[in-house]
């Protein structure tokens, strides 16, 4: 779950009423917050995780590496690992 973004400026209720409809906004003590998207559901996580799981199984016993988009791989450190080409 992502944390809400905080608006650094002091806002009024009148300003809050002008914010776009359909957004997930809050005004607490003059501070505006934009709420992030809701956390993924367990079924979504399972659906997203299954292709990765299948890829890992298919690559088992090979020197290939499976990775999830958005992660960083330290290739120099990985090459220094015994058994990894």
C-alpha atoms as a PDB file:
ATOM      1  CA  UNK A   1       0.000   0.000   0.000  1.00  0.00           C
ATOM      2  CA  UNK A   2       1.351   3.427  -0.910  1.00  0.00           C
ATOM      3  CA  UNK A   3       1.366   6.306   1.532  1.00  0.00           C
ATOM      4  CA  UNK A   4      -0.662   9.422   0.757  1.00  0.00           C
ATOM      5  CA  UNK A   5       1.203  12.344  -0.818  1.00  0.00           C
ATOM      6  CA  UNK A   6       1.210  15.421   1.377  1.00  0.00           C
ATOM      7  CA  UNK A   7       0.667  18.897  -0.015  1.00  0.00           C
ATOM      8  CA  UNK A   8       3.220  21.240   1.631  1.00  0.00           C
ATOM      9  CA  UNK A   9       0.898  24.270   1.387  1.00  0.00           C
ATOM     10  CA  UNK A  10      -1.847  25.171   3.868  1.00  0.00           C
ATOM     11  CA  UNK A  11      -5.247  24.640   2.206  1.00  0.00           C
ATOM     12  CA  UNK A  12      -8.753  25.766   3.044  1.00  0.00           C
ATOM     13  CA  UNK A  13     -12.040  23.938   2.779  1.00  0.00           C
ATOM     14  CA  UNK A  14     -13.007  26.296  -0.068  1.00  0.00           C
ATOM     15  CA  UNK A  15      -9.924  25.134  -1.996  1.00  0.00           C
ATOM     16  CA  UNK A  16     -10.748  21.510  -1.208  1.00  0.00           C
ATOM     17  CA  UNK A  17     -14.164  21.972  -2.858  1.00  0.00           C
ATOM     18  CA  UNK A  18     -12.436  22.987  -6.128  1.00  0.00           C
ATOM     19  CA  UNK A  19     -10.284  19.837  -6.370  1.00  0.00           C
ATOM     20  CA  UNK A  20     -11.179  17.475  -9.270  1.00  0.00           C
ATOM     21  CA  UNK A  21     -14.000  15.020  -8.688  1.00  0.00           C
ATOM     22  CA  UNK A  22     -13.231  11.334  -8.609  1.00  0.00           C
ATOM     23  CA  UNK A  23      -9.875  11.786  -6.902  1.00  0.00           C
ATOM     24  CA  UNK A  24      -9.060  10.366  -3.507  1.00  0.00           C
ATOM     25  CA  UNK A  25      -8.309  13.541  -1.578  1.00  0.00           C
ATOM     26  CA  UNK A  26      -8.403  14.430   2.100  1.00  0.00           C
ATOM     27  CA  UNK A  27      -8.015  17.721   3.921  1.00  0.00           C
ATOM     28  CA  UNK A  28      -6.849  17.310   7.507  1.00  0.00           C
ATOM     29  CA  UNK A  29      -6.062  20.383   9.581  1.00  0.00           C
ATOM     30  CA  UNK A  30      -5.302  22.463   6.505  1.00  0.00           C
ATOM     31  CA  UNK A  31      -3.022  19.830   4.992  1.00  0.00           C
ATOM     32  CA  UNK A  32      -4.095  18.254   1.710  1.00  0.00           C
ATOM     33  CA  UNK A  33      -3.397  14.590   1.017  1.00  0.00           C
ATOM     34  CA  UNK A  34      -3.695  12.639  -2.207  1.00  0.00           C
ATOM     35  CA  UNK A  35      -4.278   8.993  -1.452  1.00  0.00           C
ATOM     36  CA  UNK A  36      -2.512   6.444  -3.615  1.00  0.00           C
ATOM     37  CA  UNK A  37      -4.143   3.490  -5.302  1.00  0.00           C
ATOM     38  CA  UNK A  38      -5.462   0.755  -3.021  1.00  0.00           C
ATOM     39  CA  UNK A  39      -3.240  -2.186  -2.166  1.00  0.00           C
ATOM     40  CA  UNK A  40      -3.429  -5.106  -4.600  1.00  0.00           C
ATOM     41  CA  UNK A  41      -5.864  -7.879  -3.713  1.00  0.00           C
ATOM     42  CA  UNK A  42      -4.596 -11.380  -2.907  1.00  0.00           C
ATOM     43  CA  UNK A  43      -6.092 -12.699  -6.171  1.00  0.00           C
ATOM     44  CA  UNK A  44      -4.216  -9.988  -8.108  1.00  0.00           C
ATOM     45  CA  UNK A  45      -0.955 -10.906  -6.393  1.00  0.00           C
ATOM     46  CA  UNK A  46      -1.506 -14.575  -7.201  1.00  0.00           C
ATOM     47  CA  UNK A  47      -2.283 -13.782 -10.845  1.00  0.00           C
ATOM     48  CA  UNK A  48       0.810 -11.588 -11.210  1.00  0.00           C
ATOM     49  CA  UNK A  49       3.053 -14.045  -9.368  1.00  0.00           C
ATOM     50  CA  UNK A  50       2.129 -17.159 -11.338  1.00  0.00           C
ATOM     51  CA  UNK A  51       3.976 -16.304 -14.593  1.00  0.00           C
ATOM     52  CA  UNK A  52       7.108 -15.521 -12.576  1.00  0.00           C
ATOM     53  CA  UNK A  53       6.791 -18.826 -10.743  1.00  0.00           C
ATOM     54  CA  UNK A  54       6.426 -20.696 -14.038  1.00  0.00           C
ATOM     55  CA  UNK A  55       9.468 -18.893 -15.443  1.00  0.00           C
ATOM     56  CA  UNK A  56      11.542 -19.855 -12.409  1.00  0.00           C
ATOM     57  CA  UNK A  57      10.525 -23.490 -12.814  1.00  0.00           C
ATOM     58  CA  UNK A  58      11.393 -23.432 -16.519  1.00  0.00           C
ATOM     59  CA  UNK A  59      14.834 -21.945 -15.829  1.00  0.00           C
ATOM     60  CA  UNK A  60      15.674 -24.321 -12.987  1.00  0.00           C
ATOM     61  CA  UNK A  61      19.024 -26.014 -13.603  1.00  0.00           C
ATOM     62  CA  UNK A  62      20.175 -23.375 -16.093  1.00  0.00           C
ATOM     63  CA  UNK A  63      22.428 -20.370 -15.623  1.00  0.00           C
ATOM     64  CA  UNK A  64      19.644 -18.031 -16.773  1.00  0.00           C
ATOM     65  CA  UNK A  65      18.279 -15.496 -14.342  1.00  0.00           C
ATOM     66  CA  UNK A  66      14.624 -14.580 -13.971  1.00  0.00           C
ATOM     67  CA  UNK A  67      13.822 -11.118 -12.661  1.00  0.00           C
ATOM     68  CA  UNK A  68      10.731  -9.092 -11.876  1.00  0.00           C
ATOM     69  CA  UNK A  69      10.499  -5.692 -13.624  1.00  0.00           C
ATOM     70  CA  UNK A  70      11.388  -2.802 -11.371  1.00  0.00           C
ATOM     71  CA  UNK A  71      14.140  -4.541  -9.406  1.00  0.00           C
ATOM     72  CA  UNK A  72      17.845  -3.800  -9.686  1.00  0.00           C
ATOM     73  CA  UNK A  73      20.459  -6.477 -10.215  1.00  0.00           C
ATOM     74  CA  UNK A  74      24.079  -5.940  -9.174  1.00  0.00           C
ATOM     75  CA  UNK A  75      25.646  -7.800 -12.108  1.00  0.00           C
ATOM     76  CA  UNK A  76      29.238  -7.407 -10.856  1.00  0.00           C
ATOM     77  CA  UNK A  77      28.354  -8.951  -7.514  1.00  0.00           C
ATOM     78  CA  UNK A  78      26.370 -11.692  -9.232  1.00  0.00           C
ATOM     79  CA  UNK A  79      29.287 -12.581 -11.533  1.00  0.00           C
ATOM     80  CA  UNK A  80      31.506 -12.874  -8.470  1.00  0.00           C
ATOM     81  CA  UNK A  81      29.215 -15.542  -7.020  1.00  0.00           C
ATOM     82  CA  UNK A  82      30.688 -19.050  -7.478  1.00  0.00           C
ATOM     83  CA  UNK A  83      28.647 -21.122  -9.940  1.00  0.00           C
ATOM     84  CA  UNK A  84      27.084 -18.127 -11.676  1.00  0.00           C
ATOM     85  CA  UNK A  85      28.368 -17.381 -15.180  1.00  0.00           C
END
